[in-house]
Amino acid sequence: MRFIRNDSKPLRVSPMRASDVKAEFSNLEVHLGSFKDGKFKTKALVSYEDDLLIIDGGKLVARVHARNFGKVSLEKKAIRIAAMNFEIVDGDEVNTLSGSIRLELGDDSPAWYKELWG
């Protein structure tokens, strides 16, 4: 990841992206919407840019803003995010949930951890 310094503040030049990531959502609590699953897995395209993590599994798309990260943990070949008030778009319906998101990023996990949790 490259940064350009401007007035002592880092400015992101390129977003982080990973494809074919195994994403596991668990301990889901629905706050708004009619999302039925408490746990599910999907293969997804994951990107993080401008403090917004997007997990695009095709039919389901999850969006989590960095301010909603409760904690990010580094695991072997993966990261786990405890997130609150993130959205999952299922078709045309937008649902607001809280829960755990595990992303299997392989050898890139430490770099993602550092970027997300710092």
PDB file of N, CA and C in Angstrom:
ATOM      1  N   MET A   1       0.847  -1.168   0.000  1.00  0.00           N
ATOM      2  CA  MET A   1       0.000   0.000   0.000  1.00  0.00           C
ATOM      3  C   MET A   1       0.892   1.231   0.000  1.00  0.00           C
ATOM      4  N   ARG A   2       0.665   2.141  -0.922  1.00  0.00           N
ATOM      5  CA  ARG A   2       1.439   3.375  -1.001  1.00  0.00           C
ATOM      6  C   ARG A   2       0.638   4.506  -0.393  1.00  0.00           C
ATOM      7  N   PHE A   3       1.338   5.421   0.246  1.00  0.00           N
ATOM      8  CA  PHE A   3       0.701   6.608   0.807  1.00  0.00           C
ATOM      9  C   PHE A   3       1.434   7.842   0.315  1.00  0.00           C
ATOM     10  N   ILE A   4       0.712   8.910   0.136  1.00  0.00           N
ATOM     11  CA  ILE A   4       1.288  10.214  -0.183  1.00  0.00           C
ATOM     12  C   ILE A   4       1.015  11.099   1.017  1.00  0.00           C
ATOM     13  N   ARG A   5       2.042  11.754   1.500  1.00  0.00           N
ATOM     14  CA  ARG A   5       1.866  12.639   2.656  1.00  0.00           C
ATOM     15  C   ARG A   5       1.496  14.038   2.164  1.00  0.00           C
ATOM     16  N   ASN A   6       0.443  14.576   2.759  1.00  0.00           N
ATOM     17  CA  ASN A   6      -0.020  15.913   2.449  1.00  0.00           C
ATOM     18  C   ASN A   6      -0.407  16.547   3.774  1.00  0.00           C
ATOM     19  N   ASP A   7       0.392  17.501   4.242  1.00  0.00           N
ATOM     20  CA  ASP A   7       0.130  18.142   5.531  1.00  0.00           C
ATOM     21  C   ASP A   7       0.114  17.128   6.679  1.00  0.00           C
ATOM     22  N   SER A   8       1.022  16.163   6.629  1.00  0.00           N
ATOM     23  CA  SER A   8       1.193  15.144   7.668  1.00  0.00           C
ATOM     24  C   SER A   8       0.023  14.179   7.789  1.00  0.00           C
ATOM     25  N   LYS A   9      -0.893  14.161   6.850  1.00  0.00           N
ATOM     26  CA  LYS A   9      -2.004  13.221   6.880  1.00  0.00           C
ATOM     27  C   LYS A   9      -1.832  12.236   5.727  1.00  0.00           C
ATOM     28  N   PRO A  10      -1.924  10.922   6.003  1.00  0.00           N
ATOM     29  CA  PRO A  10      -1.783   9.956   4.911  1.00  0.00           C
ATOM     30  C   PRO A  10      -2.988  10.014   3.982  1.00  0.00           C
ATOM     31  N   LEU A  11      -2.738   9.898   2.716  1.00  0.00           N
ATOM     32  CA  LEU A  11      -3.778   9.885   1.695  1.00  0.00           C
ATOM     33  C   LEU A  11      -3.652   8.581   0.940  1.00  0.00           C
ATOM     34  N   ARG A  12      -4.700   7.781   0.934  1.00  0.00           N
ATOM     35  CA  ARG A  12      -4.675   6.486   0.279  1.00  0.00           C
ATOM     36  C   ARG A  12      -4.652   6.673  -1.242  1.00  0.00           C
ATOM     37  N   VAL A  13      -3.729   5.961  -1.897  1.00  0.00           N
ATOM     38  CA  VAL A  13      -3.606   6.057  -3.346  1.00  0.00           C
ATOM     39  C   VAL A  13      -4.345   4.927  -4.037  1.00  0.00           C
ATOM     40  N   SER A  14      -4.232   3.713  -3.517  1.00  0.00           N
ATOM     41  CA  SER A  14      -4.891   2.580  -4.146  1.00  0.00           C
ATOM     42  C   SER A  14      -5.679   1.789  -3.112  1.00  0.00           C
ATOM     43  N   PRO A  15      -6.853   1.297  -3.496  1.00  0.00           N
ATOM     44  CA  PRO A  15      -7.658   0.524  -2.548  1.00  0.00           C
ATOM     45  C   PRO A  15      -7.097  -0.891  -2.385  1.00  0.00           C
ATOM     46  N   MET A  16      -7.487  -1.531  -1.328  1.00  0.00           N
ATOM     47  CA  MET A  16      -7.138  -2.930  -1.126  1.00  0.00           C
ATOM     48  C   MET A  16      -8.258  -3.757  -1.734  1.00  0.00           C
ATOM     49  N   ARG A  17      -7.876  -4.793  -2.503  1.00  0.00           N
ATOM     50  CA  ARG A  17      -8.854  -5.672  -3.148  1.00  0.00           C
ATOM     51  C   ARG A  17      -8.373  -7.112  -3.067  1.00  0.00           C
ATOM     52  N   ALA A  18      -9.329  -8.018  -2.943  1.00  0.00           N
ATOM     53  CA  ALA A  18      -9.033  -9.448  -2.967  1.00  0.00           C
ATOM     54  C   ALA A  18     -10.236 -10.155  -3.580  1.00  0.00           C
ATOM     55  N   SER A  19      -9.969 -11.125  -4.434  1.00  0.00           N
ATOM     56  CA  SER A  19     -11.065 -11.861  -5.069  1.00  0.00           C
ATOM     57  C   SER A  19     -11.073 -13.303  -4.568  1.00  0.00           C
ATOM     58  N   ASP A  20     -12.190 -13.964  -4.737  1.00  0.00           N
ATOM     59  CA  ASP A  20     -12.404 -15.345  -4.307  1.00  0.00           C
ATOM     60  C   ASP A  20     -12.079 -15.544  -2.831  1.00  0.00           C
ATOM     61  N   VAL A  21     -12.525 -14.614  -2.000  1.00  0.00           N
ATOM     62  CA  VAL A  21     -12.311 -14.679  -0.558  1.00  0.00           C
ATOM     63  C   VAL A  21     -13.478 -15.447   0.061  1.00  0.00           C
ATOM     64  N   LYS A  22     -13.165 -16.412   0.914  1.00  0.00           N
ATOM     65  CA  LYS A  22     -14.220 -17.097   1.656  1.00  0.00           C
ATOM     66  C   LYS A  22     -14.627 -16.185   2.805  1.00  0.00           C
ATOM     67  N   ALA A  23     -15.869 -15.757   2.789  1.00  0.00           N
ATOM     68  CA  ALA A  23     -16.403 -14.881   3.832  1.00  0.00           C
ATOM     69  C   ALA A  23     -17.444 -15.652   4.629  1.00  0.00           C
ATOM     70  N   GLU A  24     -17.301 -15.608   5.934  1.00  0.00           N
ATOM     71  CA  GLU A  24     -18.242 -16.284   6.821  1.00  0.00           C
ATOM     72  C   GLU A  24     -18.858 -15.253   7.762  1.00  0.00           C
ATOM     73  N   PHE A  25     -20.156 -15.150   7.730  1.00  0.00           N
ATOM     74  CA  PHE A  25     -20.902 -14.250   8.605  1.00  0.00           C
ATOM     75  C   PHE A  25     -21.544 -15.117   9.687  1.00  0.00           C
ATOM     76  N   SER A  26     -21.369 -14.744  10.948  1.00  0.00           N
ATOM     77  CA  SER A  26     -21.948 -15.538  12.035  1.00  0.00           C
ATOM     78  C   SER A  26     -22.416 -14.624  13.170  1.00  0.00           C
ATOM     79  N   ASN A  27     -23.180 -15.219  14.074  1.00  0.00           N
ATOM     80  CA  ASN A  27     -23.748 -14.495  15.217  1.00  0.00           C
ATOM     81  C   ASN A  27     -24.499 -13.239  14.763  1.00  0.00           C
ATOM     82  N   LEU A  28     -25.233 -13.351  13.672  1.00  0.00           N
ATOM     83  CA  LEU A  28     -25.919 -12.186  13.117  1.00  0.00           C
ATOM     84  C   LEU A  28     -27.184 -11.857  13.894  1.00  0.00           C
ATOM     85  N   GLU A  29     -27.326 -10.593  14.199  1.00  0.00           N
ATOM     86  CA  GLU A  29     -28.512 -10.065  14.849  1.00  0.00           C
ATOM     87  C   GLU A  29     -29.096  -8.998  13.937  1.00  0.00           C
ATOM     88  N   VAL A  30     -30.328  -9.206  13.499  1.00  0.00           N
ATOM     89  CA  VAL A  30     -30.978  -8.282  12.577  1.00  0.00           C
ATOM     90  C   VAL A  30     -31.606  -7.139  13.362  1.00  0.00           C
ATOM     91  N   HIS A  31     -31.244  -5.911  12.996  1.00  0.00           N
ATOM     92  CA  HIS A  31     -31.819  -4.729  13.621  1.00  0.00           C
ATOM     93  C   HIS A  31     -32.952  -4.152  12.767  1.00  0.00           C
ATOM     94  N   LEU A  32     -32.780  -4.238  11.449  1.00  0.00           N
ATOM     95  CA  LEU A  32     -33.764  -3.680  10.519  1.00  0.00           C
ATOM     96  C   LEU A  32     -33.799  -4.563   9.284  1.00  0.00           C
ATOM     97  N   GLY A  33     -34.981  -4.964   8.865  1.00  0.00           N
ATOM     98  CA  GLY A  33     -35.122  -5.810   7.693  1.00  0.00           C
ATOM     99  C   GLY A  33     -35.612  -7.193   8.076  1.00  0.00           C
ATOM    100  N   SER A  34     -35.729  -8.043   7.067  1.00  0.00           N
ATOM    101  CA  SER A  34     -36.266  -9.388   7.310  1.00  0.00           C
ATOM    102  C   SER A  34     -35.250 -10.473   6.954  1.00  0.00           C
ATOM    103  N   PHE A  35     -33.970 -10.178   7.116  1.00  0.00           N
ATOM    104  CA  PHE A  35     -32.928 -11.161   6.827  1.00  0.00           C
ATOM    105  C   PHE A  35     -33.084 -12.336   7.773  1.00  0.00           C
ATOM    106  N   LYS A  36     -33.104 -13.565   7.251  1.00  0.00           N
ATOM    107  CA  LYS A  36     -33.452 -14.726   8.049  1.00  0.00           C
ATOM    108  C   LYS A  36     -32.269 -15.508   8.578  1.00  0.00           C
ATOM    109  N   ASP A  37     -31.139 -15.462   7.898  1.00  0.00           N
ATOM    110  CA  ASP A  37     -30.000 -16.296   8.282  1.00  0.00           C
ATOM    111  C   ASP A  37     -29.256 -15.716   9.479  1.00  0.00           C
ATOM    112  N   GLY A  38     -28.904 -16.574  10.415  1.00  0.00           N
ATOM    113  CA  GLY A  38     -28.076 -16.173  11.544  1.00  0.00           C
ATOM    114  C   GLY A  38     -26.610 -16.428  11.261  1.00  0.00           C
ATOM    115  N   LYS A  39     -26.357 -17.229  10.197  1.00  0.00           N
ATOM    116  CA  LYS A  39     -25.000 -17.594   9.827  1.00  0.00           C
ATOM    117  C   LYS A  39     -25.011 -18.022   8.363  1.00  0.00           C
ATOM    118  N   PHE A  40     -24.021 -17.589   7.592  1.00  0.00           N
ATOM    119  CA  PHE A  40     -23.893 -18.057   6.219  1.00  0.00           C
ATOM    120  C   PHE A  40     -22.475 -17.835   5.718  1.00  0.00           C
ATOM    121  N   LYS A  41     -22.118 -18.540   4.642  1.00  0.00           N
ATOM    122  CA  LYS A  41     -20.804 -18.430   4.014  1.00  0.00           C
ATOM    123  C   LYS A  41     -20.997 -18.085   2.552  1.00  0.00           C
ATOM    124  N   THR A  42     -20.014 -17.384   1.984  1.00  0.00           N
ATOM    125  CA  THR A  42     -20.051 -17.035   0.573  1.00  0.00           C
ATOM    126  C   THR A  42     -18.632 -16.793   0.069  1.00  0.00           C
ATOM    127  N   LYS A  43     -18.428 -16.956  -1.222  1.00  0.00           N
ATOM    128  CA  LYS A  43     -17.177 -16.532  -1.861  1.00  0.00           C
ATOM    129  C   LYS A  43     -17.438 -15.143  -2.389  1.00  0.00           C
ATOM    130  N   ALA A  44     -16.494 -14.238  -2.173  1.00  0.00           N
ATOM    131  CA  ALA A  44     -16.789 -12.841  -2.474  1.00  0.00           C
ATOM    132  C   ALA A  44     -15.564 -12.086  -2.979  1.00  0.00           C
ATOM    133  N   LEU A  45     -15.857 -10.964  -3.605  1.00  0.00           N
ATOM    134  CA  LEU A  45     -14.863  -9.957  -3.949  1.00  0.00           C
ATOM    135  C   LEU A  45     -14.882  -8.961  -2.795  1.00  0.00           C
ATOM    136  N   VAL A  46     -13.723  -8.742  -2.179  1.00  0.00           N
ATOM    137  CA  VAL A  46     -13.639  -7.867  -1.011  1.00  0.00           C
ATOM    138  C   VAL A  46     -12.783  -6.669  -1.365  1.00  0.00           C
ATOM    139  N   SER A  47     -13.266  -5.471  -1.025  1.00  0.00           N
ATOM    140  CA  SER A  47     -12.479  -4.264  -1.254  1.00  0.00           C
ATOM    141  C   SER A  47     -12.615  -3.336  -0.048  1.00  0.00           C
ATOM    142  N   TYR A  48     -11.561  -2.564   0.178  1.00  0.00           N
ATOM    143  CA  TYR A  48     -11.557  -1.596   1.272  1.00  0.00           C
ATOM    144  C   TYR A  48     -10.958  -0.308   0.744  1.00  0.00           C
ATOM    145  N   GLU A  49     -11.765   0.739   0.736  1.00  0.00           N
ATOM    146  CA  GLU A  49     -11.325   2.036   0.243  1.00  0.00           C
ATOM    147  C   GLU A  49     -12.134   3.115   0.938  1.00  0.00           C
ATOM    148  N   ASP A  50     -11.457   4.180   1.325  1.00  0.00           N
ATOM    149  CA  ASP A  50     -12.107   5.319   1.981  1.00  0.00           C
ATOM    150  C   ASP A  50     -12.936   4.894   3.187  1.00  0.00           C
ATOM    151  N   ASP A  51     -12.356   4.029   4.020  1.00  0.00           N
ATOM    152  CA  ASP A  51     -12.975   3.541   5.256  1.00  0.00           C
ATOM    153  C   ASP A  51     -14.240   2.724   5.044  1.00  0.00           C
ATOM    154  N   LEU A  52     -14.453   2.196   3.845  1.00  0.00           N
ATOM    155  CA  LEU A  52     -15.629   1.380   3.566  1.00  0.00           C
ATOM    156  C   LEU A  52     -15.194   0.003   3.077  1.00  0.00           C
ATOM    157  N   LEU A  53     -15.577  -1.027   3.838  1.00  0.00           N
ATOM    158  CA  LEU A  53     -15.307  -2.413   3.476  1.00  0.00           C
ATOM    159  C   LEU A  53     -16.531  -2.944   2.743  1.00  0.00           C
ATOM    160  N   ILE A  54     -16.330  -3.443   1.529  1.00  0.00           N
ATOM    161  CA  ILE A  54     -17.426  -3.993   0.727  1.00  0.00           C
ATOM    162  C   ILE A  54     -17.122  -5.453   0.449  1.00  0.00           C
ATOM    163  N   ILE A  55     -18.064  -6.315   0.792  1.00  0.00           N
ATOM    164  CA  ILE A  55     -17.949  -7.748   0.564  1.00  0.00           C
ATOM    165  C   ILE A  55     -19.051  -8.099  -0.424  1.00  0.00           C
ATOM    166  N   ASP A  56     -18.680  -8.312  -1.685  1.00  0.00           N
ATOM    167  CA  ASP A  56     -19.644  -8.538  -2.759  1.00  0.00           C
ATOM    168  C   ASP A  56     -19.676 -10.016  -3.122  1.00  0.00           C
ATOM    169  N   GLY A  57     -20.709 -10.701  -2.647  1.00  0.00           N
ATOM    170  CA  GLY A  57     -20.877 -12.117  -2.924  1.00  0.00           C
ATOM    171  C   GLY A  57     -21.822 -12.379  -4.082  1.00  0.00           C
ATOM    172  N   GLY A  58     -22.111 -11.365  -4.889  1.00  0.00           N
ATOM    173  CA  GLY A  58     -23.031 -11.528  -6.016  1.00  0.00           C
ATOM    174  C   GLY A  58     -24.448 -11.200  -5.596  1.00  0.00           C
ATOM    175  N   LYS A  59     -25.164 -12.193  -5.078  1.00  0.00           N
ATOM    176  CA  LYS A  59     -26.544 -11.973  -4.644  1.00  0.00           C
ATOM    177  C   LYS A  59     -26.608 -11.108  -3.384  1.00  0.00           C
ATOM    178  N   LEU A  60     -25.662 -11.330  -2.465  1.00  0.00           N
ATOM    179  CA  LEU A  60     -25.609 -10.559  -1.222  1.00  0.00           C
ATOM    180  C   LEU A  60     -24.393  -9.643  -1.233  1.00  0.00           C
ATOM    181  N   VAL A  61     -24.600  -8.394  -0.837  1.00  0.00           N
ATOM    182  CA  VAL A  61     -23.503  -7.428  -0.742  1.00  0.00           C
ATOM    183  C   VAL A  61     -23.545  -6.821   0.655  1.00  0.00           C
ATOM    184  N   ALA A  62     -22.405  -6.919   1.360  1.00  0.00           N
ATOM    185  CA  ALA A  62     -22.305  -6.338   2.698  1.00  0.00           C
ATOM    186  C   ALA A  62     -21.424  -5.104   2.636  1.00  0.00           C
ATOM    187  N   ARG A  63     -21.831  -4.052   3.345  1.00  0.00           N
ATOM    188  CA  ARG A  63     -21.056  -2.812   3.437  1.00  0.00           C
ATOM    189  C   ARG A  63     -20.866  -2.475   4.908  1.00  0.00           C
ATOM    190  N   VAL A  64     -19.586  -2.288   5.285  1.00  0.00           N
ATOM    191  CA  VAL A  64     -19.263  -1.978   6.680  1.00  0.00           C
ATOM    192  C   VAL A  64     -18.339  -0.772   6.692  1.00  0.00           C
ATOM    193  N   HIS A  65     -18.744   0.286   7.379  1.00  0.00           N
ATOM    194  CA  HIS A  65     -17.875   1.450   7.523  1.00  0.00           C
ATOM    195  C   HIS A  65     -16.908   1.191   8.674  1.00  0.00           C
ATOM    196  N   ALA A  66     -15.690   1.687   8.574  1.00  0.00           N
ATOM    197  CA  ALA A  66     -14.649   1.446   9.575  1.00  0.00           C
ATOM    198  C   ALA A  66     -15.073   1.888  10.977  1.00  0.00           C
ATOM    199  N   ARG A  67     -15.910   2.892  11.086  1.00  0.00           N
ATOM    200  CA  ARG A  67     -16.333   3.354  12.419  1.00  0.00           C
ATOM    201  C   ARG A  67     -17.231   2.318  13.104  1.00  0.00           C
ATOM    202  N   ASN A  68     -17.734   1.337  12.343  1.00  0.00           N
ATOM    203  CA  ASN A  68     -18.598   0.303  12.903  1.00  0.00           C
ATOM    204  C   ASN A  68     -17.843  -0.973  13.258  1.00  0.00           C
ATOM    205  N   PHE A  69     -16.500  -0.971  13.112  1.00  0.00           N
ATOM    206  CA  PHE A  69     -15.699  -2.109  13.543  1.00  0.00           C
ATOM    207  C   PHE A  69     -15.615  -2.080  15.063  1.00  0.00           C
ATOM    208  N   GLY A  70     -16.086  -3.127  15.714  1.00  0.00           N
ATOM    209  CA  GLY A  70     -15.913  -3.223  17.153  1.00  0.00           C
ATOM    210  C   GLY A  70     -14.494  -3.649  17.465  1.00  0.00           C
ATOM    211  N   LYS A  71     -14.009  -4.625  16.713  1.00  0.00           N
ATOM    212  CA  LYS A  71     -12.653  -5.133  16.872  1.00  0.00           C
ATOM    213  C   LYS A  71     -12.297  -5.934  15.632  1.00  0.00           C
ATOM    214  N   VAL A  72     -11.026  -5.918  15.270  1.00  0.00           N
ATOM    215  CA  VAL A  72     -10.514  -6.740  14.183  1.00  0.00           C
ATOM    216  C   VAL A  72      -9.440  -7.631  14.775  1.00  0.00           C
ATOM    217  N   SER A  73      -9.554  -8.942  14.547  1.00  0.00           N
ATOM    218  CA  SER A  73      -8.594  -9.905  15.090  1.00  0.00           C
ATOM    219  C   SER A  73      -7.887 -10.620  13.956  1.00  0.00           C
ATOM    220  N   LEU A  74      -6.596 -10.838  14.127  1.00  0.00           N
ATOM    221  CA  LEU A  74      -5.797 -11.580  13.152  1.00  0.00           C
ATOM    222  C   LEU A  74      -5.802 -13.042  13.551  1.00  0.00           C
ATOM    223  N   GLU A  75      -6.216 -13.900  12.621  1.00  0.00           N
ATOM    224  CA  GLU A  75      -6.203 -15.337  12.826  1.00  0.00           C
ATOM    225  C   GLU A  75      -5.236 -15.946  11.818  1.00  0.00           C
ATOM    226  N   LYS A  76      -5.038 -17.234  11.908  1.00  0.00           N
ATOM    227  CA  LYS A  76      -4.170 -17.908  10.948  1.00  0.00           C
ATOM    228  C   LYS A  76      -4.845 -17.875   9.581  1.00  0.00           C
ATOM    229  N   LYS A  77      -4.245 -17.165   8.632  1.00  0.00           N
ATOM    230  CA  LYS A  77      -4.720 -17.057   7.247  1.00  0.00           C
ATOM    231  C   LYS A  77      -6.061 -16.334   7.113  1.00  0.00           C
ATOM    232  N   ALA A  78      -6.486 -15.581   8.138  1.00  0.00           N
ATOM    233  CA  ALA A  78      -7.780 -14.894   8.072  1.00  0.00           C
ATOM    234  C   ALA A  78      -7.798 -13.721   9.051  1.00  0.00           C
ATOM    235  N   ILE A  79      -8.806 -12.871   8.873  1.00  0.00           N
ATOM    236  CA  ILE A  79      -9.100 -11.834   9.858  1.00  0.00           C
ATOM    237  C   ILE A  79     -10.562 -11.986  10.263  1.00  0.00           C
ATOM    238  N   ARG A  80     -10.869 -11.601  11.485  1.00  0.00           N
ATOM    239  CA  ARG A  80     -12.245 -11.639  11.974  1.00  0.00           C
ATOM    240  C   ARG A  80     -12.604 -10.239  12.442  1.00  0.00           C
ATOM    241  N   ILE A  81     -13.758  -9.777  11.997  1.00  0.00           N
ATOM    242  CA  ILE A  81     -14.231  -8.439  12.321  1.00  0.00           C
ATOM    243  C   ILE A  81     -15.516  -8.563  13.125  1.00  0.00           C
ATOM    244  N   ALA A  82     -15.534  -7.965  14.297  1.00  0.00           N
ATOM    245  CA  ALA A  82     -16.767  -7.821  15.064  1.00  0.00           C
ATOM    246  C   ALA A  82     -17.331  -6.468  14.653  1.00  0.00           C
ATOM    247  N   ALA A  83     -18.490  -6.485  14.011  1.00  0.00           N
ATOM    248  CA  ALA A  83     -19.036  -5.245  13.444  1.00  0.00           C
ATOM    249  C   ALA A  83     -20.457  -5.010  13.925  1.00  0.00           C
ATOM    250  N   MET A  84     -20.778  -3.734  14.055  1.00  0.00           N
ATOM    251  CA  MET A  84     -22.108  -3.345  14.477  1.00  0.00           C
ATOM    252  C   MET A  84     -22.732  -2.448  13.410  1.00  0.00           C
ATOM    253  N   ASN A  85     -24.011  -2.592  13.235  1.00  0.00           N
ATOM    254  CA  ASN A  85     -24.793  -1.731  12.340  1.00  0.00           C
ATOM    255  C   ASN A  85     -24.211  -1.647  10.931  1.00  0.00           C
ATOM    256  N   PHE A  86     -23.966  -2.806  10.335  1.00  0.00           N
ATOM    257  CA  PHE A  86     -23.563  -2.830   8.932  1.00  0.00           C
ATOM    258  C   PHE A  86     -24.757  -3.272   8.102  1.00  0.00           C
ATOM    259  N   GLU A  87     -24.654  -3.080   6.805  1.00  0.00           N
ATOM    260  CA  GLU A  87     -25.792  -3.428   5.965  1.00  0.00           C
ATOM    261  C   GLU A  87     -25.474  -4.597   5.053  1.00  0.00           C
ATOM    262  N   ILE A  88     -26.489  -5.415   4.822  1.00  0.00           N
ATOM    263  CA  ILE A  88     -26.442  -6.477   3.832  1.00  0.00           C
ATOM    264  C   ILE A  88     -27.591  -6.223   2.880  1.00  0.00           C
ATOM    265  N   VAL A  89     -27.256  -6.087   1.612  1.00  0.00           N
ATOM    266  CA  VAL A  89     -28.268  -5.892   0.586  1.00  0.00           C
ATOM    267  C   VAL A  89     -28.567  -7.251  -0.031  1.00  0.00           C
ATOM    268  N   ASP A  90     -29.797  -7.696   0.092  1.00  0.00           N
ATOM    269  CA  ASP A  90     -30.258  -8.983  -0.440  1.00  0.00           C
ATOM    270  C   ASP A  90     -31.313  -8.687  -1.489  1.00  0.00           C
ATOM    271  N   GLY A  91     -30.899  -8.703  -2.767  1.00  0.00           N
ATOM    272  CA  GLY A  91     -31.806  -8.311  -3.834  1.00  0.00           C
ATOM    273  C   GLY A  91     -32.066  -6.823  -3.753  1.00  0.00           C
ATOM    274  N   ASP A  92     -33.320  -6.456  -3.507  1.00  0.00           N
ATOM    275  CA  ASP A  92     -33.693  -5.045  -3.369  1.00  0.00           C
ATOM    276  C   ASP A  92     -33.828  -4.622  -1.913  1.00  0.00           C
ATOM    277  N   GLU A  93     -33.716  -5.563  -0.988  1.00  0.00           N
ATOM    278  CA  GLU A  93     -33.940  -5.259   0.420  1.00  0.00           C
ATOM    279  C   GLU A  93     -32.620  -4.946   1.137  1.00  0.00           C
ATOM    280  N   VAL A  94     -32.621  -3.849   1.877  1.00  0.00           N
ATOM    281  CA  VAL A  94     -31.467  -3.459   2.686  1.00  0.00           C
ATOM    282  C   VAL A  94     -31.754  -3.841   4.136  1.00  0.00           C
ATOM    283  N   ASN A  95     -30.836  -4.603   4.733  1.00  0.00           N
ATOM    284  CA  ASN A  95     -30.962  -5.060   6.115  1.00  0.00           C
ATOM    285  C   ASN A  95     -29.819  -4.481   6.932  1.00  0.00           C
ATOM    286  N   THR A  96     -30.095  -4.124   8.172  1.00  0.00           N
ATOM    287  CA  THR A  96     -29.062  -3.646   9.082  1.00  0.00           C
ATOM    288  C   THR A  96     -28.841  -4.716  10.144  1.00  0.00           C
ATOM    289  N   LEU A  97     -27.569  -5.120  10.319  1.00  0.00           N
ATOM    290  CA  LEU A  97     -27.231  -6.208  11.211  1.00  0.00           C
ATOM    291  C   LEU A  97     -25.995  -5.896  12.042  1.00  0.00           C
ATOM    292  N   SER A  98     -25.761  -6.721  13.050  1.00  0.00           N
ATOM    293  CA  SER A  98     -24.514  -6.747  13.807  1.00  0.00           C
ATOM    294  C   SER A  98     -24.077  -8.199  13.863  1.00  0.00           C
ATOM    295  N   GLY A  99     -22.768  -8.423  13.964  1.00  0.00           N
ATOM    296  CA  GLY A  99     -22.280  -9.791  14.047  1.00  0.00           C
ATOM    297  C   GLY A  99     -20.806  -9.887  13.735  1.00  0.00           C
ATOM    298  N   SER A 100     -20.376 -11.100  13.435  1.00  0.00           N
ATOM    299  CA  SER A 100     -18.976 -11.404  13.178  1.00  0.00           C
ATOM    300  C   SER A 100     -18.778 -11.723  11.698  1.00  0.00           C
ATOM    301  N   ILE A 101     -17.704 -11.195  11.134  1.00  0.00           N
ATOM    302  CA  ILE A 101     -17.360 -11.448   9.727  1.00  0.00           C
ATOM    303  C   ILE A 101     -15.942 -12.008   9.701  1.00  0.00           C
ATOM    304  N   ARG A 102     -15.773 -13.195   9.127  1.00  0.00           N
ATOM    305  CA  ARG A 102     -14.448 -13.800   8.993  1.00  0.00           C
ATOM    306  C   ARG A 102     -14.094 -13.830   7.513  1.00  0.00           C
ATOM    307  N   LEU A 103     -12.939 -13.263   7.171  1.00  0.00           N
ATOM    308  CA  LEU A 103     -12.468 -13.217   5.794  1.00  0.00           C
ATOM    309  C   LEU A 103     -11.180 -14.018   5.681  1.00  0.00           C
ATOM    310  N   GLU A 104     -11.186 -15.079   4.880  1.00  0.00           N
ATOM    311  CA  GLU A 104      -9.998 -15.901   4.657  1.00  0.00           C
ATOM    312  C   GLU A 104      -9.179 -15.265   3.543  1.00  0.00           C
ATOM    313  N   LEU A 105      -8.136 -14.532   3.932  1.00  0.00           N
ATOM    314  CA  LEU A 105      -7.312 -13.776   2.997  1.00  0.00           C
ATOM    315  C   LEU A 105      -5.943 -14.396   2.765  1.00  0.00           C
ATOM    316  N   GLY A 106      -5.682 -15.540   3.354  1.00  0.00           N
ATOM    317  CA  GLY A 106      -4.417 -16.238   3.165  1.00  0.00           C
ATOM    318  C   GLY A 106      -3.235 -15.448   3.690  1.00  0.00           C
ATOM    319  N   ASP A 107      -2.168 -15.404   2.899  1.00  0.00           N
ATOM    320  CA  ASP A 107      -0.940 -14.725   3.307  1.00  0.00           C
ATOM    321  C   ASP A 107      -1.088 -13.209   3.373  1.00  0.00           C
ATOM    322  N   ASP A 108      -2.157 -12.665   2.803  1.00  0.00           N
ATOM    323  CA  ASP A 108      -2.393 -11.221   2.835  1.00  0.00           C
ATOM    324  C   ASP A 108      -3.085 -10.767   4.123  1.00  0.00           C
ATOM    325  N   SER A 109      -3.443 -11.697   4.989  1.00  0.00           N
ATOM    326  CA  SER A 109      -4.170 -11.361   6.214  1.00  0.00           C
ATOM    327  C   SER A 109      -3.465 -10.331   7.091  1.00  0.00           C
ATOM    328  N   PRO A 110      -2.140 -10.441   7.329  1.00  0.00           N
ATOM    329  CA  PRO A 110      -1.495  -9.416   8.163  1.00  0.00           C
ATOM    330  C   PRO A 110      -1.576  -8.009   7.566  1.00  0.00           C
ATOM    331  N   ALA A 111      -1.458  -7.887   6.251  1.00  0.00           N
ATOM    332  CA  ALA A 111      -1.551  -6.570   5.604  1.00  0.00           C
ATOM    333  C   ALA A 111      -2.964  -6.002   5.743  1.00  0.00           C
ATOM    334  N   TRP A 112      -3.974  -6.840   5.572  1.00  0.00           N
ATOM    335  CA  TRP A 112      -5.352  -6.386   5.731  1.00  0.00           C
ATOM    336  C   TRP A 112      -5.612  -5.993   7.193  1.00  0.00           C
ATOM    337  N   TYR A 113      -5.121  -6.792   8.122  1.00  0.00           N
ATOM    338  CA  TYR A 113      -5.277  -6.471   9.543  1.00  0.00           C
ATOM    339  C   TYR A 113      -4.687  -5.113   9.862  1.00  0.00           C
ATOM    340  N   LYS A 114      -3.468  -4.876   9.375  1.00  0.00           N
ATOM    341  CA  LYS A 114      -2.816  -3.610   9.630  1.00  0.00           C
ATOM    342  C   LYS A 114      -3.581  -2.443   9.018  1.00  0.00           C
ATOM    343  N   GLU A 115      -4.125  -2.637   7.833  1.00  0.00           N
ATOM    344  CA  GLU A 115      -4.887  -1.575   7.164  1.00  0.00           C
ATOM    345  C   GLU A 115      -6.214  -1.301   7.880  1.00  0.00           C
ATOM    346  N   LEU A 116      -6.906  -2.358   8.301  1.00  0.00           N
ATOM    347  CA  LEU A 116      -8.213  -2.187   8.919  1.00  0.00           C
ATOM    348  C   LEU A 116      -8.146  -1.751  10.386  1.00  0.00           C
ATOM    349  N   TRP A 117      -7.159  -2.258  11.116  1.00  0.00           N
ATOM    350  CA  TRP A 117      -7.116  -2.023  12.545  1.00  0.00           C
ATOM    351  C   TRP A 117      -5.922  -1.173  12.977  1.00  0.00           C
ATOM    352  N   GLY A 118      -4.899  -1.151  12.133  1.00  0.00           N
ATOM    353  CA  GLY A 118      -3.776  -0.285  12.267  1.00  0.00           C
ATOM    354  C   GLY A 118      -2.786  -0.475  13.295  1.00  0.00           C
TER     355      GLY A 118
END
